[in-house]
Amino acid sequence: MVAIRFDVLESELAALRTRHNQAQGQRDLLQQQLREKEQQLTQAQADIDLWRQVQILLAKTSEFARQQLVQRLQTTVTAALQAVFDRDDIRFEIELKTIGNAPAANWSISSFYGDTEIKTEPESARGGGYVDIVSLALRLALLELARPKPEGSILLDEPGKMISKEYLPNVAEFLKSYAAKTGRQILMVTHHEALADVADKGFNVSQVNGVSEVVQNV
C-alpha cells in the first residue's frame, strides 16, 4: 500500500510553478534585452553611415568652406540638443584633423557639471537619447546644406524613439519649428502621442481581422 500525501504534492507543484514563472520571466527579460540590442545595433549602423557622409563632405570642400561647414553643423546640432534637453550648457563639437593627408573629424558632446567641463561621444552620452537627437539634427542639417538642395517632403520613421517621454514634447516642438523655418513638409510615423499631437493632420492606423484601417484624427 502506498500512501500519497497531497499536501506534499501540492507544495512541490507550487515550487515547480514558481521556478517555471521565474524561468519564463528571465526568458522574457533576455528577449527584451535582445530586441533592445538589435535596435541599438541598427541605430549604430545608421549613425556610422551618416558620419561617413559627413567625412566625405568635409574631404571634398576647401579649408575655408570646411570651417564654415563645421560651424554650421555645430550650431545646428547644438541648438537641437539645447532645445530638446532644455539645457544651455550643452555643445556639439566637431574636431577637424588629418589622417593620411585627408581631412577627418571627431565629434563630441560638451557639457558642464559645476565648473567641470565633460566631453563624451554622443554614443556614450547618457543613454541613447543624445545620439538620437544628434543623428536627427545632423541629417536635417546636411539636407539643408547640400547643393543643389534636395526638394520635397521629409519622411521620419519613429523619430525620438530613444528619447525619454519627458523630452518628447520638446522633440515635437523642434520638428515643428524646423518645418516652419524651412517650409518643408514632414511626414512622420510614430507611436508617441506627444509627437502626433503637433501634426496639422493625423491618421490612426489599426488592424481589424488582419485588414488595416486608416482613420483621420479629429
N, C-alpha and C. Protein backbone atom coordinates (compact mmCIF):
# COMPACT_ATOMS: atom_id res chain seq x y z
N MET A 1 0.85 -1.19 0.00
CA MET A 1 0.00 0.00 0.00
C MET A 1 0.89 1.25 0.00
N VAL A 2 0.58 2.16 -0.88
CA VAL A 2 1.36 3.38 -1.00
C VAL A 2 0.52 4.56 -0.53
N ALA A 3 1.06 5.30 0.41
CA ALA A 3 0.35 6.47 0.94
C ALA A 3 0.79 7.71 0.18
N ILE A 4 -0.16 8.49 -0.28
CA ILE A 4 0.13 9.71 -1.03
C ILE A 4 -0.26 10.92 -0.19
N ARG A 5 0.72 11.76 0.06
CA ARG A 5 0.44 12.98 0.82
C ARG A 5 0.21 14.13 -0.17
N PHE A 6 -1.07 14.51 -0.26
CA PHE A 6 -1.42 15.54 -1.23
C PHE A 6 -0.83 16.90 -0.86
N ASP A 7 -0.64 17.15 0.43
CA ASP A 7 -0.06 18.43 0.82
C ASP A 7 1.38 18.56 0.32
N VAL A 8 2.11 17.42 0.32
CA VAL A 8 3.48 17.43 -0.17
C VAL A 8 3.50 17.65 -1.68
N LEU A 9 2.58 16.94 -2.36
CA LEU A 9 2.50 17.11 -3.81
C LEU A 9 2.15 18.54 -4.19
N GLU A 10 1.21 19.12 -3.47
CA GLU A 10 0.82 20.50 -3.76
C GLU A 10 1.97 21.47 -3.53
N SER A 11 2.75 21.19 -2.47
CA SER A 11 3.90 22.04 -2.18
C SER A 11 4.94 21.94 -3.28
N GLU A 12 5.21 20.69 -3.73
CA GLU A 12 6.18 20.50 -4.79
C GLU A 12 5.69 21.12 -6.10
N LEU A 13 4.39 20.97 -6.37
CA LEU A 13 3.82 21.57 -7.57
C LEU A 13 3.93 23.09 -7.54
N ALA A 14 3.68 23.68 -6.38
CA ALA A 14 3.79 25.13 -6.24
C ALA A 14 5.23 25.58 -6.46
N ALA A 15 6.17 24.80 -5.96
CA ALA A 15 7.59 25.13 -6.14
C ALA A 15 7.97 25.06 -7.62
N LEU A 16 7.45 24.03 -8.32
CA LEU A 16 7.71 23.90 -9.75
C LEU A 16 7.13 25.08 -10.52
N ARG A 17 5.91 25.49 -10.13
CA ARG A 17 5.29 26.63 -10.80
C ARG A 17 6.11 27.90 -10.59
N THR A 18 6.62 28.06 -9.37
CA THR A 18 7.44 29.24 -9.07
C THR A 18 8.69 29.26 -9.93
N ARG A 19 9.37 28.10 -10.02
CA ARG A 19 10.58 28.03 -10.84
C ARG A 19 10.26 28.26 -12.31
N HIS A 20 9.10 27.73 -12.75
CA HIS A 20 8.69 27.93 -14.14
C HIS A 20 8.45 29.41 -14.42
N ASN A 21 7.75 30.09 -13.51
CA ASN A 21 7.46 31.51 -13.70
C ASN A 21 8.75 32.34 -13.70
N GLN A 22 9.69 31.95 -12.81
CA GLN A 22 10.95 32.66 -12.77
C GLN A 22 11.73 32.47 -14.07
N ALA A 23 11.75 31.24 -14.56
CA ALA A 23 12.45 30.96 -15.82
C ALA A 23 11.80 31.69 -16.98
N GLN A 24 10.46 31.74 -16.97
CA GLN A 24 9.74 32.45 -18.03
C GLN A 24 10.03 33.95 -17.98
N GLY A 25 10.09 34.49 -16.74
CA GLY A 25 10.42 35.89 -16.58
C GLY A 25 11.82 36.21 -17.08
N GLN A 26 12.78 35.32 -16.77
CA GLN A 26 14.15 35.51 -17.24
C GLN A 26 14.22 35.45 -18.76
N ARG A 27 13.44 34.51 -19.35
CA ARG A 27 13.42 34.40 -20.80
C ARG A 27 12.86 35.67 -21.43
N ASP A 28 11.76 36.18 -20.86
CA ASP A 28 11.16 37.40 -21.40
C ASP A 28 12.13 38.58 -21.29
N LEU A 29 12.86 38.65 -20.16
CA LEU A 29 13.82 39.72 -19.98
C LEU A 29 14.95 39.63 -21.01
N LEU A 30 15.44 38.41 -21.24
CA LEU A 30 16.51 38.22 -22.22
C LEU A 30 16.03 38.57 -23.63
N GLN A 31 14.79 38.21 -23.95
CA GLN A 31 14.25 38.54 -25.26
C GLN A 31 14.12 40.05 -25.43
N GLN A 32 13.69 40.75 -24.36
CA GLN A 32 13.59 42.20 -24.41
C GLN A 32 14.96 42.83 -24.58
N GLN A 33 15.95 42.32 -23.85
CA GLN A 33 17.31 42.85 -23.97
C GLN A 33 17.86 42.61 -25.37
N LEU A 34 17.53 41.45 -25.95
CA LEU A 34 17.97 41.15 -27.31
C LEU A 34 17.37 42.14 -28.29
N ARG A 35 16.07 42.43 -28.16
CA ARG A 35 15.42 43.39 -29.06
C ARG A 35 16.05 44.78 -28.91
N GLU A 36 16.35 45.17 -27.67
CA GLU A 36 16.97 46.48 -27.45
C GLU A 36 18.35 46.54 -28.09
N LYS A 37 19.14 45.46 -27.95
CA LYS A 37 20.47 45.44 -28.54
C LYS A 37 20.40 45.47 -30.06
N GLU A 38 19.40 44.79 -30.63
CA GLU A 38 19.23 44.81 -32.08
C GLU A 38 18.89 46.22 -32.55
N GLN A 39 18.04 46.93 -31.79
CA GLN A 39 17.70 48.30 -32.14
C GLN A 39 18.92 49.20 -32.04
N GLN A 40 19.73 49.01 -30.99
CA GLN A 40 20.94 49.80 -30.83
C GLN A 40 21.92 49.54 -31.97
N LEU A 41 22.01 48.28 -32.39
CA LEU A 41 22.91 47.93 -33.50
C LEU A 41 22.45 48.60 -34.79
N THR A 42 21.14 48.56 -35.04
CA THR A 42 20.60 49.21 -36.24
C THR A 42 20.87 50.70 -36.21
N GLN A 43 20.68 51.33 -35.03
CA GLN A 43 20.95 52.76 -34.89
C GLN A 43 22.42 53.06 -35.10
N ALA A 44 23.29 52.21 -34.53
CA ALA A 44 24.73 52.42 -34.67
C ALA A 44 25.16 52.33 -36.13
N GLN A 45 24.61 51.36 -36.85
CA GLN A 45 24.95 51.22 -38.26
C GLN A 45 24.50 52.44 -39.06
N ALA A 46 23.32 52.96 -38.72
CA ALA A 46 22.83 54.16 -39.41
C ALA A 46 23.70 55.37 -39.08
N ASP A 47 24.14 55.46 -37.84
CA ASP A 47 24.99 56.58 -37.43
C ASP A 47 26.36 56.51 -38.09
N ILE A 48 26.89 55.31 -38.22
CA ILE A 48 28.18 55.14 -38.91
C ILE A 48 28.06 55.61 -40.36
N ASP A 49 26.98 55.23 -41.01
CA ASP A 49 26.76 55.64 -42.40
C ASP A 49 26.62 57.16 -42.49
N LEU A 50 25.92 57.75 -41.53
CA LEU A 50 25.75 59.20 -41.52
C LEU A 50 27.09 59.89 -41.36
N TRP A 51 27.91 59.44 -40.43
CA TRP A 51 29.19 60.10 -40.20
C TRP A 51 30.13 59.92 -41.38
N ARG A 52 30.03 58.81 -42.08
CA ARG A 52 30.82 58.64 -43.30
C ARG A 52 30.44 59.70 -44.33
N GLN A 53 29.14 60.01 -44.41
CA GLN A 53 28.70 61.05 -45.34
C GLN A 53 29.29 62.40 -44.95
N VAL A 54 29.32 62.67 -43.64
CA VAL A 54 29.91 63.93 -43.17
C VAL A 54 31.39 63.98 -43.51
N GLN A 55 32.11 62.87 -43.30
CA GLN A 55 33.54 62.82 -43.60
C GLN A 55 33.80 63.06 -45.09
N ILE A 56 32.99 62.44 -45.93
CA ILE A 56 33.15 62.62 -47.38
C ILE A 56 32.91 64.08 -47.75
N LEU A 57 31.88 64.68 -47.15
CA LEU A 57 31.57 66.08 -47.44
C LEU A 57 32.73 66.98 -47.01
N LEU A 58 33.31 66.72 -45.85
CA LEU A 58 34.44 67.51 -45.38
C LEU A 58 35.65 67.36 -46.30
N ALA A 59 35.85 66.15 -46.79
CA ALA A 59 37.01 65.88 -47.63
C ALA A 59 36.92 66.59 -48.98
N LYS A 60 35.72 66.89 -49.45
CA LYS A 60 35.53 67.45 -50.78
C LYS A 60 35.43 68.97 -50.78
N THR A 61 35.59 69.57 -49.61
CA THR A 61 35.48 71.03 -49.54
C THR A 61 36.84 71.65 -49.25
N SER A 62 36.98 72.92 -49.58
CA SER A 62 38.23 73.64 -49.30
C SER A 62 38.34 73.89 -47.80
N GLU A 63 39.54 74.34 -47.37
CA GLU A 63 39.75 74.58 -45.94
C GLU A 63 38.78 75.61 -45.39
N PHE A 64 38.59 76.73 -46.11
CA PHE A 64 37.66 77.76 -45.65
C PHE A 64 36.23 77.23 -45.60
N ALA A 65 35.82 76.57 -46.67
CA ALA A 65 34.47 76.03 -46.73
C ALA A 65 34.28 74.96 -45.66
N ARG A 66 35.34 74.23 -45.38
CA ARG A 66 35.27 73.17 -44.37
C ARG A 66 35.00 73.77 -42.98
N GLN A 67 35.70 74.85 -42.68
CA GLN A 67 35.49 75.52 -41.40
C GLN A 67 34.07 76.08 -41.30
N GLN A 68 33.58 76.64 -42.40
CA GLN A 68 32.22 77.17 -42.42
C GLN A 68 31.20 76.06 -42.23
N LEU A 69 31.45 74.94 -42.89
CA LEU A 69 30.54 73.80 -42.79
C LEU A 69 30.51 73.26 -41.37
N VAL A 70 31.69 73.12 -40.77
CA VAL A 70 31.76 72.63 -39.39
C VAL A 70 31.00 73.55 -38.44
N GLN A 71 31.16 74.85 -38.64
CA GLN A 71 30.47 75.82 -37.79
C GLN A 71 28.96 75.69 -37.92
N ARG A 72 28.49 75.53 -39.15
CA ARG A 72 27.04 75.38 -39.36
C ARG A 72 26.51 74.11 -38.71
N LEU A 73 27.25 73.02 -38.87
CA LEU A 73 26.82 71.76 -38.28
C LEU A 73 26.81 71.84 -36.76
N GLN A 74 27.87 72.42 -36.20
CA GLN A 74 27.93 72.55 -34.74
C GLN A 74 26.78 73.39 -34.22
N THR A 75 26.50 74.50 -34.89
CA THR A 75 25.44 75.40 -34.44
C THR A 75 24.08 74.72 -34.51
N THR A 76 23.83 74.03 -35.61
CA THR A 76 22.52 73.39 -35.80
C THR A 76 22.28 72.29 -34.78
N VAL A 77 23.26 71.40 -34.61
CA VAL A 77 23.09 70.27 -33.69
C VAL A 77 23.05 70.76 -32.25
N THR A 78 23.88 71.75 -31.92
CA THR A 78 23.85 72.32 -30.56
C THR A 78 22.48 72.90 -30.25
N ALA A 79 21.91 73.63 -31.20
CA ALA A 79 20.58 74.22 -30.99
C ALA A 79 19.54 73.14 -30.76
N ALA A 80 19.65 72.04 -31.49
CA ALA A 80 18.70 70.93 -31.32
C ALA A 80 18.84 70.30 -29.94
N LEU A 81 20.07 70.05 -29.51
CA LEU A 81 20.30 69.46 -28.19
C LEU A 81 19.79 70.36 -27.07
N GLN A 82 20.07 71.66 -27.19
CA GLN A 82 19.63 72.58 -26.15
C GLN A 82 18.11 72.70 -26.11
N ALA A 83 17.49 72.68 -27.28
CA ALA A 83 16.03 72.79 -27.34
C ALA A 83 15.34 71.56 -26.76
N VAL A 84 15.86 70.39 -27.09
CA VAL A 84 15.21 69.14 -26.66
C VAL A 84 15.45 68.88 -25.17
N PHE A 85 16.69 69.06 -24.72
CA PHE A 85 17.02 68.71 -23.34
C PHE A 85 16.97 69.91 -22.39
N ASP A 86 16.59 71.08 -22.95
CA ASP A 86 16.35 72.27 -22.14
C ASP A 86 17.55 72.62 -21.26
N ARG A 87 18.73 72.59 -21.87
CA ARG A 87 19.97 72.96 -21.17
C ARG A 87 20.81 73.82 -22.11
N ASP A 88 21.27 74.96 -21.60
CA ASP A 88 22.06 75.85 -22.45
C ASP A 88 23.56 75.63 -22.31
N ASP A 89 23.96 74.60 -21.53
CA ASP A 89 25.39 74.33 -21.36
C ASP A 89 25.87 73.18 -22.26
N ILE A 90 24.96 72.65 -23.08
CA ILE A 90 25.34 71.53 -23.96
C ILE A 90 25.86 72.08 -25.28
N ARG A 91 26.96 71.50 -25.75
CA ARG A 91 27.53 71.90 -27.03
C ARG A 91 27.88 70.66 -27.85
N PHE A 92 27.59 70.73 -29.14
CA PHE A 92 28.04 69.69 -30.06
C PHE A 92 29.28 70.22 -30.75
N GLU A 93 30.37 69.46 -30.71
CA GLU A 93 31.64 69.94 -31.24
C GLU A 93 32.23 68.95 -32.24
N ILE A 94 32.80 69.49 -33.30
CA ILE A 94 33.48 68.69 -34.31
C ILE A 94 34.95 69.10 -34.32
N GLU A 95 35.82 68.15 -34.14
CA GLU A 95 37.26 68.42 -34.13
C GLU A 95 37.87 67.94 -35.44
N LEU A 96 38.37 68.88 -36.23
CA LEU A 96 38.99 68.54 -37.51
C LEU A 96 40.42 68.05 -37.29
N LYS A 97 40.81 67.08 -38.09
CA LYS A 97 42.19 66.57 -38.04
C LYS A 97 42.53 66.00 -39.41
N THR A 98 43.76 65.55 -39.56
CA THR A 98 44.21 64.98 -40.82
C THR A 98 44.72 63.57 -40.59
N ILE A 99 44.22 62.65 -41.39
CA ILE A 99 44.65 61.26 -41.33
C ILE A 99 45.05 60.84 -42.73
N GLY A 100 46.32 60.47 -42.90
CA GLY A 100 46.78 60.04 -44.22
C GLY A 100 46.61 61.11 -45.27
N ASN A 101 46.92 62.38 -44.92
CA ASN A 101 46.80 63.52 -45.84
C ASN A 101 45.36 63.83 -46.25
N ALA A 102 44.41 63.25 -45.54
CA ALA A 102 43.00 63.51 -45.84
C ALA A 102 42.32 64.08 -44.60
N PRO A 103 41.43 65.06 -44.78
CA PRO A 103 40.74 65.62 -43.62
C PRO A 103 39.79 64.61 -42.99
N ALA A 104 39.74 64.62 -41.68
CA ALA A 104 38.84 63.75 -40.94
C ALA A 104 38.33 64.54 -39.74
N ALA A 105 37.44 63.95 -39.00
CA ALA A 105 36.85 64.68 -37.87
C ALA A 105 36.33 63.72 -36.81
N ASN A 106 36.37 64.19 -35.58
CA ASN A 106 35.72 63.51 -34.47
C ASN A 106 34.61 64.40 -33.95
N TRP A 107 33.58 63.81 -33.38
CA TRP A 107 32.53 64.61 -32.79
C TRP A 107 32.38 64.26 -31.32
N SER A 108 31.89 65.23 -30.55
CA SER A 108 31.70 65.03 -29.12
C SER A 108 30.61 65.95 -28.60
N ILE A 109 30.10 65.64 -27.41
CA ILE A 109 29.14 66.48 -26.73
C ILE A 109 29.82 67.03 -25.48
N SER A 110 29.80 68.34 -25.34
CA SER A 110 30.42 69.01 -24.20
C SER A 110 29.33 69.57 -23.30
N SER A 111 29.48 69.35 -21.99
CA SER A 111 28.55 69.91 -21.02
C SER A 111 29.29 70.16 -19.71
N PHE A 112 28.68 70.92 -18.83
CA PHE A 112 29.33 71.29 -17.58
C PHE A 112 28.59 70.70 -16.39
N TYR A 113 29.35 70.21 -15.42
CA TYR A 113 28.84 69.80 -14.13
C TYR A 113 29.58 70.65 -13.09
N GLY A 114 28.89 71.69 -12.63
CA GLY A 114 29.59 72.67 -11.81
C GLY A 114 30.54 73.45 -12.69
N ASP A 115 31.81 73.49 -12.30
CA ASP A 115 32.83 74.18 -13.09
C ASP A 115 33.63 73.23 -13.96
N THR A 116 33.23 71.97 -13.99
CA THR A 116 33.98 70.95 -14.72
C THR A 116 33.33 70.68 -16.08
N GLU A 117 34.11 70.82 -17.14
CA GLU A 117 33.62 70.51 -18.48
C GLU A 117 33.87 69.04 -18.79
N ILE A 118 32.86 68.38 -19.27
CA ILE A 118 32.96 66.96 -19.60
C ILE A 118 32.64 66.77 -21.08
N LYS A 119 33.52 66.07 -21.79
CA LYS A 119 33.30 65.78 -23.20
C LYS A 119 33.15 64.28 -23.38
N THR A 120 32.10 63.88 -24.08
CA THR A 120 31.87 62.47 -24.37
C THR A 120 31.39 62.32 -25.80
N GLU A 121 31.56 61.13 -26.34
CA GLU A 121 30.99 60.84 -27.65
C GLU A 121 29.47 60.75 -27.50
N PRO A 122 28.72 61.17 -28.53
CA PRO A 122 27.25 61.08 -28.43
C PRO A 122 26.77 59.67 -28.08
N GLU A 123 27.47 58.65 -28.60
CA GLU A 123 27.06 57.27 -28.34
C GLU A 123 27.19 56.90 -26.87
N SER A 124 28.02 57.64 -26.13
CA SER A 124 28.26 57.33 -24.72
C SER A 124 27.59 58.32 -23.78
N ALA A 125 26.94 59.32 -24.34
CA ALA A 125 26.40 60.42 -23.52
C ALA A 125 25.01 60.09 -23.00
N ARG A 126 24.95 59.63 -21.78
CA ARG A 126 23.68 59.46 -21.05
C ARG A 126 22.63 58.69 -21.83
N GLY A 127 22.97 57.53 -22.29
CA GLY A 127 21.99 56.71 -22.98
C GLY A 127 21.85 57.05 -24.44
N GLY A 128 20.80 56.52 -25.04
CA GLY A 128 20.63 56.68 -26.48
C GLY A 128 19.96 57.97 -26.91
N GLY A 129 19.42 58.75 -25.96
CA GLY A 129 18.68 59.93 -26.32
C GLY A 129 19.52 60.98 -27.01
N TYR A 130 20.73 61.19 -26.55
CA TYR A 130 21.59 62.22 -27.13
C TYR A 130 22.00 61.87 -28.55
N VAL A 131 22.41 60.63 -28.76
CA VAL A 131 22.81 60.24 -30.11
C VAL A 131 21.61 60.27 -31.06
N ASP A 132 20.43 60.02 -30.53
CA ASP A 132 19.21 60.08 -31.35
C ASP A 132 19.00 61.50 -31.88
N ILE A 133 19.16 62.49 -31.03
CA ILE A 133 18.97 63.88 -31.44
C ILE A 133 20.11 64.34 -32.34
N VAL A 134 21.35 63.95 -32.02
CA VAL A 134 22.49 64.31 -32.87
C VAL A 134 22.29 63.75 -34.27
N SER A 135 21.87 62.48 -34.34
CA SER A 135 21.65 61.84 -35.64
C SER A 135 20.56 62.56 -36.43
N LEU A 136 19.45 62.88 -35.77
CA LEU A 136 18.34 63.55 -36.43
C LEU A 136 18.75 64.95 -36.91
N ALA A 137 19.40 65.71 -36.03
CA ALA A 137 19.77 67.08 -36.37
C ALA A 137 20.82 67.12 -37.47
N LEU A 138 21.78 66.19 -37.44
CA LEU A 138 22.79 66.14 -38.49
C LEU A 138 22.17 65.86 -39.85
N ARG A 139 21.24 64.94 -39.89
CA ARG A 139 20.59 64.62 -41.16
C ARG A 139 19.83 65.82 -41.71
N LEU A 140 19.11 66.51 -40.82
CA LEU A 140 18.36 67.69 -41.26
C LEU A 140 19.31 68.80 -41.72
N ALA A 141 20.43 68.95 -40.99
CA ALA A 141 21.40 69.99 -41.36
C ALA A 141 22.03 69.69 -42.72
N LEU A 142 22.43 68.44 -42.93
CA LEU A 142 23.04 68.06 -44.21
C LEU A 142 22.06 68.26 -45.36
N LEU A 143 20.79 68.01 -45.10
CA LEU A 143 19.78 68.19 -46.13
C LEU A 143 19.70 69.65 -46.55
N GLU A 144 19.77 70.56 -45.59
CA GLU A 144 19.67 71.98 -45.90
C GLU A 144 20.96 72.55 -46.47
N LEU A 145 22.11 71.94 -46.14
CA LEU A 145 23.40 72.45 -46.60
C LEU A 145 23.80 71.91 -47.97
N ALA A 146 23.16 70.83 -48.41
CA ALA A 146 23.52 70.21 -49.68
C ALA A 146 23.25 71.17 -50.83
N ARG A 147 24.14 71.11 -51.84
CA ARG A 147 23.98 71.91 -53.04
C ARG A 147 24.16 71.03 -54.27
N PRO A 148 23.16 70.95 -55.14
CA PRO A 148 21.86 71.62 -55.05
C PRO A 148 21.02 71.04 -53.91
N LYS A 149 20.19 71.89 -53.33
CA LYS A 149 19.39 71.46 -52.18
C LYS A 149 18.25 70.54 -52.62
N PRO A 150 18.14 69.36 -52.02
CA PRO A 150 17.04 68.45 -52.36
C PRO A 150 15.69 69.08 -52.01
N GLU A 151 14.73 68.89 -52.88
CA GLU A 151 13.38 69.40 -52.63
C GLU A 151 12.48 68.27 -52.12
N GLY A 152 11.30 68.65 -51.73
CA GLY A 152 10.32 67.65 -51.34
C GLY A 152 10.16 67.50 -49.84
N SER A 153 9.31 66.57 -49.45
CA SER A 153 8.98 66.33 -48.05
C SER A 153 10.03 65.46 -47.38
N ILE A 154 9.94 65.40 -46.06
CA ILE A 154 10.83 64.57 -45.26
C ILE A 154 9.99 63.48 -44.59
N LEU A 155 10.44 62.25 -44.71
CA LEU A 155 9.75 61.12 -44.07
C LEU A 155 10.57 60.68 -42.86
N LEU A 156 9.97 60.74 -41.68
CA LEU A 156 10.64 60.32 -40.46
C LEU A 156 9.93 59.09 -39.89
N ASP A 157 10.70 58.05 -39.66
CA ASP A 157 10.16 56.80 -39.12
C ASP A 157 10.55 56.69 -37.65
N GLU A 158 9.60 56.88 -36.77
CA GLU A 158 9.81 56.80 -35.31
C GLU A 158 10.94 57.71 -34.84
N PRO A 159 10.88 59.00 -35.11
CA PRO A 159 11.91 59.90 -34.58
C PRO A 159 11.82 59.96 -33.06
N GLY A 160 12.97 60.12 -32.42
CA GLY A 160 12.98 60.22 -30.96
C GLY A 160 12.65 58.93 -30.25
N LYS A 161 12.88 57.80 -30.91
CA LYS A 161 12.50 56.53 -30.28
C LYS A 161 13.33 56.20 -29.05
N MET A 162 14.52 56.84 -28.92
CA MET A 162 15.37 56.59 -27.77
C MET A 162 15.24 57.69 -26.71
N ILE A 163 14.34 58.64 -26.95
CA ILE A 163 14.20 59.79 -26.06
C ILE A 163 13.23 59.46 -24.92
N SER A 164 13.57 59.92 -23.71
CA SER A 164 12.67 59.75 -22.57
C SER A 164 11.37 60.52 -22.82
N LYS A 165 10.27 60.00 -22.26
CA LYS A 165 8.96 60.61 -22.51
C LYS A 165 8.91 62.07 -22.11
N GLU A 166 9.66 62.44 -21.07
CA GLU A 166 9.60 63.82 -20.59
C GLU A 166 10.13 64.82 -21.62
N TYR A 167 10.98 64.34 -22.56
CA TYR A 167 11.57 65.24 -23.55
C TYR A 167 10.85 65.18 -24.90
N LEU A 168 9.91 64.26 -25.07
CA LEU A 168 9.24 64.12 -26.36
C LEU A 168 8.48 65.38 -26.80
N PRO A 169 7.81 66.10 -25.89
CA PRO A 169 7.17 67.35 -26.32
C PRO A 169 8.18 68.34 -26.90
N ASN A 170 9.41 68.36 -26.37
CA ASN A 170 10.44 69.24 -26.90
C ASN A 170 10.88 68.80 -28.30
N VAL A 171 10.95 67.47 -28.51
CA VAL A 171 11.27 66.95 -29.84
C VAL A 171 10.20 67.40 -30.83
N ALA A 172 8.95 67.31 -30.40
CA ALA A 172 7.83 67.72 -31.26
C ALA A 172 7.94 69.19 -31.64
N GLU A 173 8.25 70.05 -30.67
CA GLU A 173 8.37 71.48 -30.95
C GLU A 173 9.57 71.78 -31.84
N PHE A 174 10.66 71.03 -31.66
CA PHE A 174 11.83 71.19 -32.51
C PHE A 174 11.49 70.89 -33.97
N LEU A 175 10.80 69.77 -34.20
CA LEU A 175 10.43 69.39 -35.56
C LEU A 175 9.43 70.39 -36.16
N LYS A 176 8.51 70.86 -35.34
CA LYS A 176 7.53 71.84 -35.82
C LYS A 176 8.24 73.14 -36.21
N SER A 177 9.22 73.56 -35.39
CA SER A 177 9.97 74.77 -35.69
C SER A 177 10.80 74.60 -36.96
N TYR A 178 11.40 73.43 -37.13
CA TYR A 178 12.20 73.16 -38.34
C TYR A 178 11.32 73.25 -39.58
N ALA A 179 10.14 72.63 -39.51
CA ALA A 179 9.23 72.65 -40.66
C ALA A 179 8.80 74.09 -40.99
N ALA A 180 8.55 74.90 -39.96
CA ALA A 180 8.12 76.28 -40.19
C ALA A 180 9.24 77.12 -40.80
N LYS A 181 10.48 76.91 -40.34
CA LYS A 181 11.59 77.72 -40.82
C LYS A 181 12.03 77.33 -42.24
N THR A 182 11.93 76.06 -42.56
CA THR A 182 12.41 75.60 -43.87
C THR A 182 11.30 75.49 -44.90
N GLY A 183 10.04 75.48 -44.45
CA GLY A 183 8.94 75.32 -45.37
C GLY A 183 8.77 73.89 -45.86
N ARG A 184 9.45 72.96 -45.22
CA ARG A 184 9.35 71.56 -45.64
C ARG A 184 8.19 70.86 -44.92
N GLN A 185 7.56 69.99 -45.66
CA GLN A 185 6.52 69.15 -45.07
C GLN A 185 7.17 67.92 -44.44
N ILE A 186 6.76 67.59 -43.22
CA ILE A 186 7.29 66.41 -42.54
C ILE A 186 6.18 65.36 -42.45
N LEU A 187 6.46 64.19 -42.98
CA LEU A 187 5.57 63.03 -42.85
C LEU A 187 6.20 62.12 -41.80
N MET A 188 5.48 61.84 -40.74
CA MET A 188 6.07 61.15 -39.61
C MET A 188 5.25 59.95 -39.19
N VAL A 189 5.94 58.83 -38.97
CA VAL A 189 5.32 57.63 -38.41
C VAL A 189 5.75 57.54 -36.96
N THR A 190 4.81 57.50 -36.04
CA THR A 190 5.17 57.47 -34.62
C THR A 190 4.11 56.78 -33.79
N HIS A 191 4.55 56.25 -32.65
CA HIS A 191 3.62 55.69 -31.66
C HIS A 191 3.43 56.66 -30.49
N HIS A 192 4.16 57.78 -30.52
CA HIS A 192 4.14 58.71 -29.39
C HIS A 192 3.10 59.81 -29.60
N GLU A 193 2.17 59.92 -28.68
CA GLU A 193 1.12 60.94 -28.79
C GLU A 193 1.71 62.35 -28.76
N ALA A 194 2.77 62.53 -27.97
CA ALA A 194 3.38 63.87 -27.86
C ALA A 194 3.86 64.37 -29.21
N LEU A 195 4.32 63.47 -30.07
CA LEU A 195 4.76 63.85 -31.41
C LEU A 195 3.57 63.99 -32.36
N ALA A 196 2.63 63.08 -32.24
CA ALA A 196 1.47 63.10 -33.14
C ALA A 196 0.60 64.33 -32.90
N ASP A 197 0.58 64.83 -31.67
CA ASP A 197 -0.32 65.93 -31.32
C ASP A 197 0.04 67.25 -32.00
N VAL A 198 1.30 67.41 -32.43
CA VAL A 198 1.69 68.69 -33.06
C VAL A 198 1.44 68.70 -34.56
N ALA A 199 1.01 67.56 -35.10
CA ALA A 199 0.80 67.47 -36.54
C ALA A 199 -0.42 68.28 -36.96
N ASP A 200 -0.36 68.86 -38.15
CA ASP A 200 -1.52 69.56 -38.69
C ASP A 200 -2.63 68.57 -39.03
N LYS A 201 -2.22 67.40 -39.49
CA LYS A 201 -3.17 66.33 -39.76
C LYS A 201 -2.59 65.02 -39.23
N GLY A 202 -3.45 64.22 -38.62
CA GLY A 202 -3.00 62.95 -38.07
C GLY A 202 -3.92 61.82 -38.50
N PHE A 203 -3.34 60.65 -38.69
CA PHE A 203 -4.10 59.48 -39.08
C PHE A 203 -3.72 58.32 -38.17
N ASN A 204 -4.72 57.60 -37.72
CA ASN A 204 -4.51 56.43 -36.87
C ASN A 204 -4.69 55.17 -37.71
N VAL A 205 -3.67 54.31 -37.68
CA VAL A 205 -3.72 53.06 -38.45
C VAL A 205 -3.89 51.90 -37.48
N SER A 206 -4.91 51.09 -37.70
CA SER A 206 -5.16 49.92 -36.85
C SER A 206 -5.50 48.73 -37.74
N GLN A 207 -5.50 47.57 -37.15
CA GLN A 207 -5.83 46.36 -37.89
C GLN A 207 -7.06 45.69 -37.29
N VAL A 208 -7.97 45.34 -38.15
CA VAL A 208 -9.17 44.62 -37.75
C VAL A 208 -9.27 43.36 -38.60
N ASN A 209 -9.14 42.21 -37.96
CA ASN A 209 -9.17 40.92 -38.67
C ASN A 209 -8.12 40.87 -39.79
N GLY A 210 -6.94 41.44 -39.49
CA GLY A 210 -5.85 41.38 -40.46
C GLY A 210 -5.92 42.43 -41.55
N VAL A 211 -6.93 43.31 -41.50
CA VAL A 211 -7.10 44.34 -42.52
C VAL A 211 -6.80 45.71 -41.89
N SER A 212 -5.91 46.47 -42.50
CA SER A 212 -5.55 47.79 -41.97
C SER A 212 -6.67 48.79 -42.22
N GLU A 213 -6.93 49.59 -41.20
CA GLU A 213 -7.91 50.66 -41.32
C GLU A 213 -7.25 51.98 -40.96
N VAL A 214 -7.49 53.00 -41.76
CA VAL A 214 -6.90 54.32 -41.54
C VAL A 214 -8.03 55.29 -41.24
N VAL A 215 -7.91 55.96 -40.09
CA VAL A 215 -8.94 56.91 -39.66
C VAL A 215 -8.25 58.24 -39.35
N GLN A 216 -8.76 59.31 -39.92
CA GLN A 216 -8.18 60.63 -39.65
C GLN A 216 -8.58 61.09 -38.26
N ASN A 217 -7.59 61.57 -37.51
CA ASN A 217 -7.87 62.08 -36.16
C ASN A 217 -8.60 63.41 -36.26
N VAL A 218 -9.47 63.62 -35.33
CA VAL A 218 -10.26 64.87 -35.31
C VAL A 218 -9.48 65.94 -34.55
